[in-house]
């Protein structure tokens, strides 16, 4: 029997028919529990927005492919792409949402030229990066990789290069294929055409197992689902497909005291006014904890983005870190794959705002980001967390563009970060910013040891004035 059926049976058996029935915590305790449940569940619910838009909402603008099928994008992200916040625009994406309930899925990768970076990031419903395929981990030679859900215990079939286990019943495979420049797009399409996705039965030319029960996917309420107690309804739904890890038994039991958990019929509309306020206050407490953490630790570079993404073992159930990753750039890579130095404030600690300031980002001679693959610097709107529309249609500056950039007289490199053009003689090095708040994310793919160790430091963002 699935975890969903077990949970529903238990809930019905003890008479739980509404969120209020499931709640045993006092409003005071509920507020503290809601704070922790919000931080725990936000990444799952934020991820669900992408799952729904890419794999469920077939008439929507961001739909990519049905479950267990691949959707390729033959271009890079632009401001018109809104499904993922803080998107990467220097590697065209491919997307697979995998339903692992009845059988594993086999991902086939082609052999590609060694100089081209490509990767398949495997992400569970908690937004943990449980494994990687591609240049860094499995090489450029391709292969057949079996992705198994939590209940699969079969032997490794013939022809399978590697078996990878996922702890949740749905998983996300996010492919990145390096684009060297606009004239390289056909080559990226060729690589993408070699990506194959098949259920194990199809890979083995066998009969498919009986299909899993159909799912009534709740439509995302974008106005409420991550900022109000509605979050707990989506979170409970997703936990139906995420068997409880032994390390989290007590955590999930605590969440159940406010009616949140697999099989629990959470309905925010049935909450008493007192409980509704307690849960909303708990969410506000969680948001404040993150805001304080960001100001004290992230903005001051005491904690870095590479600490927010990884396996469960790497994250050690640090739910605030997992929340930070989802809040600042969901589906970010683990540190071994890529590191993301981010700029939210200038060298004086003031928030970045191009309505009133112009900025410089200068790399000293020989101090460009050390990468075994490549690096990029990308601009984001501080309000929408999306790419910034601009007259150059330039959303980033990256290492493949170095030949077109103008070096400083001493061999260094200065980037001009501002809203208006710095002048024709400097426009090659201009990264356009919105006329308002913004932030910049540096991406270093396959970072060299000096990046991972912290020996190399990203330069500060300084005011041009």
Protein backbone atom coordinates (compact mmCIF):
# COMPACT_ATOMS: atom_id res chain seq x y z
CA UNK A 1 0.00 0.00 0.00
CA UNK A 2 1.35 3.46 -0.91
CA UNK A 3 2.20 6.07 1.70
CA UNK A 4 -0.73 8.13 0.41
CA UNK A 5 -3.23 5.33 0.98
CA UNK A 6 -1.77 4.49 4.39
CA UNK A 7 -1.96 8.12 5.47
CA UNK A 8 -5.50 8.55 4.17
CA UNK A 9 -6.60 5.35 5.87
CA UNK A 10 -5.18 6.50 9.19
CA UNK A 11 -6.74 9.92 8.83
CA UNK A 12 -10.17 8.53 8.03
CA UNK A 13 -9.86 5.88 10.72
CA UNK A 14 -9.47 8.45 13.47
CA UNK A 15 -12.13 10.72 12.06
CA UNK A 16 -10.02 13.48 10.53
CA UNK A 17 -12.22 15.20 7.96
CA UNK A 18 -11.04 18.81 8.16
CA UNK A 19 -7.84 20.69 8.96
CA UNK A 20 -9.33 21.65 12.32
CA UNK A 21 -9.91 17.98 13.20
CA UNK A 22 -6.27 17.18 12.52
CA UNK A 23 -4.91 19.98 14.66
CA UNK A 24 -3.91 19.26 18.24
CA UNK A 25 -1.63 22.22 18.87
CA UNK A 26 -2.69 25.34 20.74
CA UNK A 27 -2.57 28.57 18.73
CA UNK A 28 0.64 29.53 20.55
CA UNK A 29 2.33 26.22 19.72
CA UNK A 30 0.83 26.28 16.23
CA UNK A 31 2.61 29.52 15.45
CA UNK A 32 6.02 28.03 16.28
CA UNK A 33 5.24 24.85 14.37
CA UNK A 34 3.95 26.80 11.37
CA UNK A 35 7.17 28.78 11.23
CA UNK A 36 9.24 25.60 10.95
CA UNK A 37 6.76 23.91 8.59
CA UNK A 38 6.80 26.96 6.32
CA UNK A 39 10.60 26.96 6.07
CA UNK A 40 10.53 23.19 5.49
CA UNK A 41 7.73 23.21 2.91
CA UNK A 42 8.37 26.40 0.93
CA UNK A 43 10.93 24.77 -1.41
CA UNK A 44 8.52 21.91 -2.18
CA UNK A 45 5.66 24.30 -2.98
CA UNK A 46 7.86 26.67 -4.97
CA UNK A 47 9.06 23.65 -6.95
CA UNK A 48 5.47 22.56 -7.53
CA UNK A 49 4.82 25.74 -9.49
CA UNK A 50 7.40 24.55 -12.00
CA UNK A 51 6.17 20.95 -12.01
CA UNK A 52 2.62 22.08 -12.73
CA UNK A 53 3.52 24.61 -15.41
CA UNK A 54 6.00 22.35 -17.20
CA UNK A 55 4.35 18.91 -16.99
CA UNK A 56 0.66 19.32 -16.11
CA UNK A 57 -0.72 22.54 -17.60
CA UNK A 58 -0.64 21.51 -21.24
CA UNK A 59 -2.28 24.71 -22.43
CA UNK A 60 0.01 26.97 -20.46
CA UNK A 61 2.84 29.11 -21.83
CA UNK A 62 5.54 27.27 -19.86
CA UNK A 63 4.49 23.69 -20.64
CA UNK A 64 7.47 21.57 -21.77
CA UNK A 65 6.43 17.90 -21.96
CA UNK A 66 4.19 15.33 -20.24
CA UNK A 67 5.62 13.22 -17.44
CA UNK A 68 8.39 10.84 -18.51
CA UNK A 69 8.98 12.78 -21.73
CA UNK A 70 11.63 15.37 -22.54
CA UNK A 71 11.08 18.98 -23.48
CA UNK A 72 13.98 20.77 -25.13
CA UNK A 73 14.41 24.51 -25.43
CA UNK A 74 16.36 25.51 -28.50
CA UNK A 75 17.10 28.97 -27.17
CA UNK A 76 18.25 30.56 -23.96
CA UNK A 77 16.06 32.14 -21.32
CA UNK A 78 14.78 35.69 -21.85
CA UNK A 79 12.61 38.04 -19.74
CA UNK A 80 9.56 36.36 -21.30
CA UNK A 81 10.34 33.10 -19.45
CA UNK A 82 8.68 33.32 -16.05
CA UNK A 83 8.40 29.71 -14.79
CA UNK A 84 11.74 29.73 -12.96
CA UNK A 85 13.12 32.61 -10.92
CA UNK A 86 16.78 33.57 -11.30
CA UNK A 87 17.09 31.46 -14.48
CA UNK A 88 20.37 30.57 -16.11
CA UNK A 89 20.58 32.00 -19.61
CA UNK A 90 23.89 30.62 -20.88
CA UNK A 91 22.95 26.95 -21.28
CA UNK A 92 19.80 25.93 -23.13
CA UNK A 93 17.70 23.69 -20.94
CA UNK A 94 15.98 20.37 -21.39
CA UNK A 95 13.34 19.25 -18.90
CA UNK A 96 11.99 15.90 -17.70
CA UNK A 97 9.52 15.46 -14.86
CA UNK A 98 9.68 11.78 -13.93
CA UNK A 99 6.83 9.74 -12.44
CA UNK A 100 8.63 6.87 -10.69
CA UNK A 101 5.61 5.27 -9.02
CA UNK A 102 5.27 2.17 -11.21
CA UNK A 103 8.74 1.66 -12.68
CA UNK A 104 12.10 3.37 -13.14
CA UNK A 105 12.88 5.76 -15.97
CA UNK A 106 15.95 5.35 -18.18
CA UNK A 107 17.72 8.53 -19.28
CA UNK A 108 19.99 8.02 -22.30
CA UNK A 109 22.76 10.53 -22.93
CA UNK A 110 24.68 10.72 -26.22
CA UNK A 111 28.42 10.97 -26.60
CA UNK A 112 29.39 14.62 -27.18
CA UNK A 113 32.57 16.59 -27.73
CA UNK A 114 34.60 16.80 -24.49
CA UNK A 115 35.02 20.57 -24.66
CA UNK A 116 31.27 21.18 -24.36
CA UNK A 117 29.82 21.30 -20.85
CA UNK A 118 26.62 19.40 -20.24
CA UNK A 119 24.93 18.04 -17.16
CA UNK A 120 21.74 16.43 -15.91
CA UNK A 121 20.82 17.63 -12.44
CA UNK A 122 18.51 15.17 -10.64
CA UNK A 123 16.23 16.85 -8.10
CA UNK A 124 13.68 15.29 -5.73
CA UNK A 125 10.43 16.81 -4.45
CA UNK A 126 12.28 18.37 -1.51
CA UNK A 127 14.52 20.20 -4.07
CA UNK A 128 17.52 18.15 -2.95
CA UNK A 129 20.04 17.41 -5.73
CA UNK A 130 20.27 13.66 -5.27
CA UNK A 131 22.64 12.96 -8.19
CA UNK A 132 24.29 14.29 -11.36
CA UNK A 133 24.94 12.88 -14.80
CA UNK A 134 27.15 14.49 -17.44
CA UNK A 135 30.62 15.84 -18.07
CA UNK A 136 31.80 16.15 -14.45
CA UNK A 137 30.40 12.90 -13.03
CA UNK A 138 29.89 10.41 -15.85
CA UNK A 139 32.01 11.93 -18.60
CA UNK A 140 31.22 12.89 -22.17
CA UNK A 141 30.80 9.34 -23.45
CA UNK A 142 27.06 9.05 -22.77
CA UNK A 143 25.24 5.99 -21.46
CA UNK A 144 21.93 4.64 -20.12
CA UNK A 145 21.09 5.75 -16.60
CA UNK A 146 18.26 4.20 -14.60
CA UNK A 147 16.42 6.51 -12.18
CA UNK A 148 14.51 4.48 -9.57
CA UNK A 149 11.86 5.57 -7.10
CA UNK A 150 11.76 4.73 -3.39
CA UNK A 151 9.99 1.35 -3.78
CA UNK A 152 12.04 -0.16 -6.63
CA UNK A 153 14.38 -2.98 -5.57
CA UNK A 154 15.17 -4.73 -8.85
CA UNK A 155 18.52 -5.90 -10.17
CA UNK A 156 20.52 -3.72 -12.55
CA UNK A 157 19.30 -4.63 -16.06
CA UNK A 158 21.67 -5.37 -18.90
CA UNK A 159 22.65 -2.28 -20.83
CA UNK A 160 22.28 0.08 -17.87
CA UNK A 161 25.37 2.17 -17.17
CA UNK A 162 24.36 3.22 -13.67
CA UNK A 163 21.40 3.02 -11.26
CA UNK A 164 20.44 6.15 -9.31
CA UNK A 165 17.89 6.04 -6.48
CA UNK A 166 15.49 8.86 -5.62
CA UNK A 167 13.71 9.10 -2.26
CA UNK A 168 10.53 10.65 -3.70
CA UNK A 169 8.04 9.28 -6.22
CA UNK A 170 8.44 12.21 -8.58
CA UNK A 171 11.75 13.72 -9.65
CA UNK A 172 13.03 16.45 -11.94
CA UNK A 173 15.83 16.01 -14.48
CA UNK A 174 17.17 19.41 -15.46
CA UNK A 175 19.59 19.29 -18.41
CA UNK A 176 22.06 22.06 -19.26
CA UNK A 177 23.88 22.07 -22.61
CA UNK A 178 26.53 24.72 -23.14
CA UNK A 179 25.98 27.21 -25.94
CA UNK A 180 29.25 28.72 -27.16
CA UNK A 181 27.55 31.54 -29.07
CA UNK A 182 24.58 32.36 -31.33
CA UNK A 183 26.12 30.46 -34.27
CA UNK A 184 26.40 27.35 -32.08
CA UNK A 185 22.67 26.85 -31.60
CA UNK A 186 22.34 24.12 -34.25
CA UNK A 187 25.03 22.12 -32.47
CA UNK A 188 23.13 22.41 -29.19
CA UNK A 189 20.00 21.16 -30.96
CA UNK A 190 21.99 18.19 -32.25
CA UNK A 191 23.09 17.29 -28.73
CA UNK A 192 19.56 17.70 -27.41
CA UNK A 193 18.20 15.40 -30.12
CA UNK A 194 20.30 12.62 -28.61
CA UNK A 195 18.66 12.87 -25.18
CA UNK A 196 16.22 9.97 -24.76
CA UNK A 197 13.74 9.20 -21.97
CA UNK A 198 12.08 5.79 -21.65
CA UNK A 199 10.32 3.78 -18.95
CA UNK A 200 12.38 0.74 -18.04
CA UNK A 201 9.84 -1.57 -19.67
CA UNK A 202 10.22 0.26 -22.99
CA UNK A 203 14.01 0.20 -22.69
CA UNK A 204 13.84 -3.59 -22.19
CA UNK A 205 11.10 -4.04 -24.85
CA UNK A 206 8.77 -5.55 -22.24
CA UNK A 207 5.11 -5.01 -21.39
CA UNK A 208 4.50 -1.96 -19.23
CA UNK A 209 3.21 -2.49 -15.68
CA UNK A 210 -0.28 -1.38 -14.69
CA UNK A 211 -0.45 2.41 -14.60
CA UNK A 212 -0.38 4.27 -11.31
CA UNK A 213 -3.59 5.96 -10.12
CA UNK A 214 -4.34 9.26 -11.81
CA UNK A 215 -3.69 12.40 -9.79
CA UNK A 216 -5.92 15.43 -9.39
CA UNK A 217 -3.17 18.05 -9.52
CA UNK A 218 -4.21 21.18 -7.59
CA UNK A 219 -3.92 24.31 -9.68
CA UNK A 220 -1.34 26.70 -8.24
CA UNK A 221 -2.78 29.77 -6.55
CA UNK A 222 0.16 32.02 -7.27
CA UNK A 223 -1.15 34.83 -5.08
CA UNK A 224 -1.43 32.72 -1.93
CA UNK A 225 0.38 29.41 -2.15
CA UNK A 226 3.74 30.51 -0.76
CA UNK A 227 2.67 33.40 1.50
CA UNK A 228 -0.45 32.19 3.33
CA UNK A 229 -1.59 28.98 5.10
CA UNK A 230 -2.59 27.72 1.63
CA UNK A 231 1.05 26.63 1.44
CA UNK A 232 0.30 23.85 3.91
CA UNK A 233 -2.41 22.42 1.62
CA UNK A 234 0.05 22.09 -1.26
CA UNK A 235 2.75 20.84 1.09
CA UNK A 236 0.48 18.08 2.45
CA UNK A 237 -0.40 17.06 -1.10
CA UNK A 238 3.27 16.79 -2.09
CA UNK A 239 4.19 14.85 1.04
CA UNK A 240 1.88 12.09 -0.23
CA UNK A 241 4.61 11.32 -2.75
CA UNK A 242 7.58 11.75 -0.42
CA UNK A 243 8.01 8.86 2.03
CA UNK A 244 9.23 10.06 5.41
CA UNK A 245 12.98 9.82 5.83
CA UNK A 246 13.93 8.15 9.15
CA UNK A 247 15.71 11.34 10.19
CA UNK A 248 12.47 13.30 9.90
CA UNK A 249 9.93 11.14 11.72
CA UNK A 250 9.75 13.50 14.69
CA UNK A 251 9.71 16.57 12.44
CA UNK A 252 6.75 15.32 10.42
CA UNK A 253 4.94 14.21 13.58
CA UNK A 254 5.29 17.76 14.89
CA UNK A 255 3.90 19.23 11.66
CA UNK A 256 0.92 16.89 11.95
CA UNK A 257 -0.10 18.77 15.10
CA UNK A 258 -1.21 21.67 12.86
CA UNK A 259 -2.81 19.32 10.33
CA UNK A 260 0.08 19.23 7.86
CA UNK A 261 1.33 15.93 6.46
CA UNK A 262 0.79 13.13 3.98
CA UNK A 263 -2.87 12.15 3.88
CA UNK A 264 -3.97 14.94 6.21
CA UNK A 265 -6.91 16.88 4.76
CA UNK A 266 -5.57 20.39 5.24
CA UNK A 267 -8.05 23.08 4.18
CA UNK A 268 -7.17 26.61 5.14
CA UNK A 269 -10.75 27.77 4.59
CA UNK A 270 -11.91 25.60 7.52
CA UNK A 271 -9.47 27.06 10.04
CA UNK A 272 -10.77 28.96 13.05
CA UNK A 273 -9.85 32.66 13.08
CA UNK A 274 -7.43 32.03 15.94
CA UNK A 275 -5.68 29.16 14.19
CA UNK A 276 -5.59 30.97 10.85
CA UNK A 277 -3.88 33.92 12.51
CA UNK A 278 -1.45 31.65 14.33
CA UNK A 279 -0.40 29.95 11.09
CA UNK A 280 -0.12 33.24 9.22
CA UNK A 281 1.98 34.69 12.03
CA UNK A 282 4.19 31.59 11.91
CA UNK A 283 4.75 32.13 8.20
CA UNK A 284 5.67 35.76 8.89
CA UNK A 285 8.11 34.56 11.54
CA UNK A 286 9.71 32.23 8.99
CA UNK A 287 10.00 35.01 6.44
CA UNK A 288 11.63 37.25 9.03
CA UNK A 289 14.10 34.53 10.03
CA UNK A 290 15.22 34.25 6.42
CA UNK A 291 15.39 38.03 5.95
CA UNK A 292 17.57 38.37 9.04
CA UNK A 293 19.73 35.45 7.91
CA UNK A 294 20.17 36.97 4.47
CA UNK A 295 21.19 40.34 5.88
CA UNK A 296 23.54 38.92 8.49
CA UNK A 297 25.08 35.97 6.65
CA UNK A 298 24.43 35.99 2.89
CA UNK A 299 24.88 39.68 2.13
CA UNK A 300 28.06 39.74 4.21
CA UNK A 301 29.45 36.67 2.38
CA UNK A 302 29.70 34.64 5.58
CA UNK A 303 27.49 31.98 4.02
CA UNK A 304 27.68 31.21 0.31
CA UNK A 305 25.15 29.90 -2.16
CA UNK A 306 26.98 26.61 -2.69
CA UNK A 307 25.93 25.70 0.86
CA UNK A 308 22.23 25.80 -0.09
CA UNK A 309 22.14 23.03 -2.70
CA UNK A 310 23.02 19.35 -2.52
CA UNK A 311 22.00 15.93 -1.32
CA UNK A 312 20.20 15.28 1.96
CA UNK A 313 23.50 14.09 3.42
CA UNK A 314 25.20 17.33 2.37
CA UNK A 315 22.44 19.62 3.64
CA UNK A 316 22.10 17.67 6.92
CA UNK A 317 18.41 18.65 7.11
CA UNK A 318 19.30 22.35 7.34
CA UNK A 319 15.90 23.56 6.25
CA UNK A 320 16.78 27.27 6.38
CA UNK A 321 19.59 26.66 3.89
CA UNK A 322 17.26 24.68 1.63
CA UNK A 323 14.73 27.51 1.90
CA UNK A 324 17.41 30.07 1.01
CA UNK A 325 18.29 28.12 -2.12
CA UNK A 326 14.66 27.95 -3.23
CA UNK A 327 14.04 31.59 -2.41
CA UNK A 328 17.10 33.01 -4.14
CA UNK A 329 17.44 30.65 -7.12
CA UNK A 330 15.50 27.42 -7.04
CA UNK A 331 17.09 24.33 -8.64
CA UNK A 332 20.58 25.73 -8.17
CA UNK A 333 23.51 23.40 -8.73
CA UNK A 334 25.50 21.71 -5.99
CA UNK A 335 28.86 23.33 -5.30
CA UNK A 336 30.91 20.70 -7.10
CA UNK A 337 28.94 21.37 -10.29
CA UNK A 338 28.69 25.14 -10.08
CA UNK A 339 29.18 27.91 -7.55
CA UNK A 340 27.09 31.07 -7.54
CA UNK A 341 28.69 34.14 -5.96
CA UNK A 342 25.81 36.62 -5.74
CA UNK A 343 25.70 40.39 -5.46
CA UNK A 344 22.79 41.93 -3.55
CA UNK A 345 24.68 44.86 -2.04
CA UNK A 346 27.62 47.01 -3.09
CA UNK A 347 31.01 47.23 -1.42
CA UNK A 348 29.60 49.57 1.25
CA UNK A 349 26.74 47.21 2.12
CA UNK A 350 24.06 49.29 0.40
CA UNK A 351 21.39 47.46 -1.66
CA UNK A 352 21.99 47.58 -5.41
CA UNK A 353 19.75 50.07 -7.22
CA UNK A 354 20.43 51.27 -10.76
CA UNK A 355 17.80 54.00 -10.58
CA UNK A 356 20.24 56.13 -8.63
CA UNK A 357 23.67 54.51 -9.06
CA UNK A 358 26.12 53.14 -11.61
CA UNK A 359 28.41 50.26 -10.67
CA UNK A 360 31.68 48.61 -11.68
CA UNK A 361 32.70 44.98 -11.38
CA UNK A 362 36.44 44.78 -12.01
CA UNK A 363 38.53 41.62 -12.27
CA UNK A 364 42.22 42.19 -11.72
CA UNK A 365 44.65 40.77 -14.27
CA UNK A 366 44.76 36.98 -13.95
CA UNK A 367 41.79 36.93 -11.55
CA UNK A 368 38.89 35.94 -13.80
CA UNK A 369 36.68 33.25 -12.23
CA UNK A 370 38.61 29.93 -12.20
CA UNK A 371 36.43 27.41 -14.03
CA UNK A 372 37.09 24.03 -15.61
CA UNK A 373 34.03 24.61 -17.81
CA UNK A 374 33.01 28.28 -18.04
CA UNK A 375 31.74 31.26 -16.02
CA UNK A 376 29.01 33.87 -16.44
CA UNK A 377 27.65 37.02 -14.77
CA UNK A 378 23.87 37.46 -15.11
CA UNK A 379 21.56 40.40 -14.28
CA UNK A 380 18.18 40.00 -12.51
CA UNK A 381 15.38 42.40 -11.66
CA UNK A 382 15.23 42.82 -7.88
CA UNK A 383 11.42 42.83 -7.86
CA UNK A 384 10.52 39.98 -10.24
CA UNK A 385 13.73 37.90 -9.89
CA UNK A 386 13.61 37.48 -13.68
CA UNK A 387 15.92 38.55 -16.50
CA UNK A 388 15.95 42.24 -17.43
CA UNK A 389 14.60 43.50 -20.75
CA UNK A 390 17.09 45.88 -22.36
CA UNK A 391 17.95 47.39 -25.76
CA UNK A 392 20.92 45.06 -26.30
CA UNK A 393 18.97 41.89 -25.44
CA UNK A 394 22.01 41.13 -23.30
CA UNK A 395 21.23 39.34 -20.06
CA UNK A 396 24.71 38.16 -19.13
CA UNK A 397 28.40 38.38 -19.83
CA UNK A 398 30.31 35.10 -19.87
CA UNK A 399 33.71 33.62 -20.62
CA UNK A 400 32.87 32.61 -24.23
CA UNK A 401 32.37 36.35 -24.86
CA UNK A 402 35.87 37.33 -23.70
CA UNK A 403 37.16 37.91 -27.22
CA UNK A 404 34.49 40.59 -27.74
CA UNK A 405 35.13 42.39 -24.43
CA UNK A 406 37.49 45.35 -24.07
CA UNK A 407 40.26 44.72 -21.50
CA UNK A 408 41.64 47.40 -19.21
CA UNK A 409 45.05 48.91 -19.96
CA UNK A 410 46.69 46.76 -17.27
CA UNK A 411 45.10 43.53 -18.55
CA UNK A 412 42.24 43.47 -16.08
CA UNK A 413 38.56 43.47 -17.05
CA UNK A 414 35.88 45.96 -15.95
CA UNK A 415 32.16 45.36 -16.40
CA UNK A 416 29.80 48.34 -16.36
CA UNK A 417 26.63 47.59 -14.38
CA UNK A 418 24.07 50.35 -14.95
CA UNK A 419 20.76 51.27 -16.52
CA UNK A 420 21.91 53.59 -19.28
CA UNK A 421 24.70 52.94 -21.77
CA UNK A 422 28.18 53.84 -20.49
CA UNK A 423 29.04 55.12 -23.96
CA UNK A 424 29.80 53.52 -27.29
CA UNK A 425 33.44 52.88 -26.39
CA UNK A 426 32.42 50.90 -23.27
CA UNK A 427 29.20 49.28 -24.43
CA UNK A 428 30.89 45.95 -25.17
CA UNK A 429 31.42 45.57 -21.41
CA UNK A 430 27.96 46.84 -20.38
CA UNK A 431 25.59 44.58 -18.46
CA UNK A 432 22.27 46.49 -18.55
CA UNK A 433 20.40 46.86 -15.25
CA UNK A 434 16.77 47.84 -14.61
CA UNK A 435 15.93 51.35 -13.43
CA UNK A 436 15.50 50.12 -9.89
CA UNK A 437 16.64 47.36 -7.54
CA UNK A 438 18.58 44.48 -9.02
CA UNK A 439 20.96 41.69 -8.17
CA UNK A 440 23.69 39.89 -10.07
CA UNK A 441 24.61 36.22 -9.94
CA UNK A 442 27.98 34.88 -11.03
CA UNK A 443 28.02 31.24 -12.11
CA UNK A 444 31.24 29.24 -12.17
CA UNK A 445 30.71 25.85 -13.82
CA UNK A 446 32.95 23.02 -12.69
CA UNK A 447 34.81 25.40 -10.37
CA UNK A 448 38.50 24.87 -9.79
CA UNK A 449 39.75 23.91 -6.30
CA UNK A 450 40.66 27.48 -5.39
CA UNK A 451 37.02 28.50 -5.82
CA UNK A 452 35.69 25.65 -3.69
CA UNK A 453 38.30 26.25 -0.98
CA UNK A 454 37.62 29.98 -0.90
CA UNK A 455 41.17 30.92 -1.90
CA UNK A 456 39.75 32.81 -4.89
CA UNK A 457 37.40 35.63 -3.93
CA UNK A 458 34.95 37.33 -6.24
CA UNK A 459 35.65 41.08 -6.62
CA UNK A 460 33.33 43.62 -4.94
CA UNK A 461 30.61 45.57 -6.74
CA UNK A 462 31.62 49.21 -6.41
CA UNK A 463 29.78 52.43 -7.21
CA UNK A 464 31.13 54.12 -10.32
CA UNK A 465 30.70 57.51 -8.68
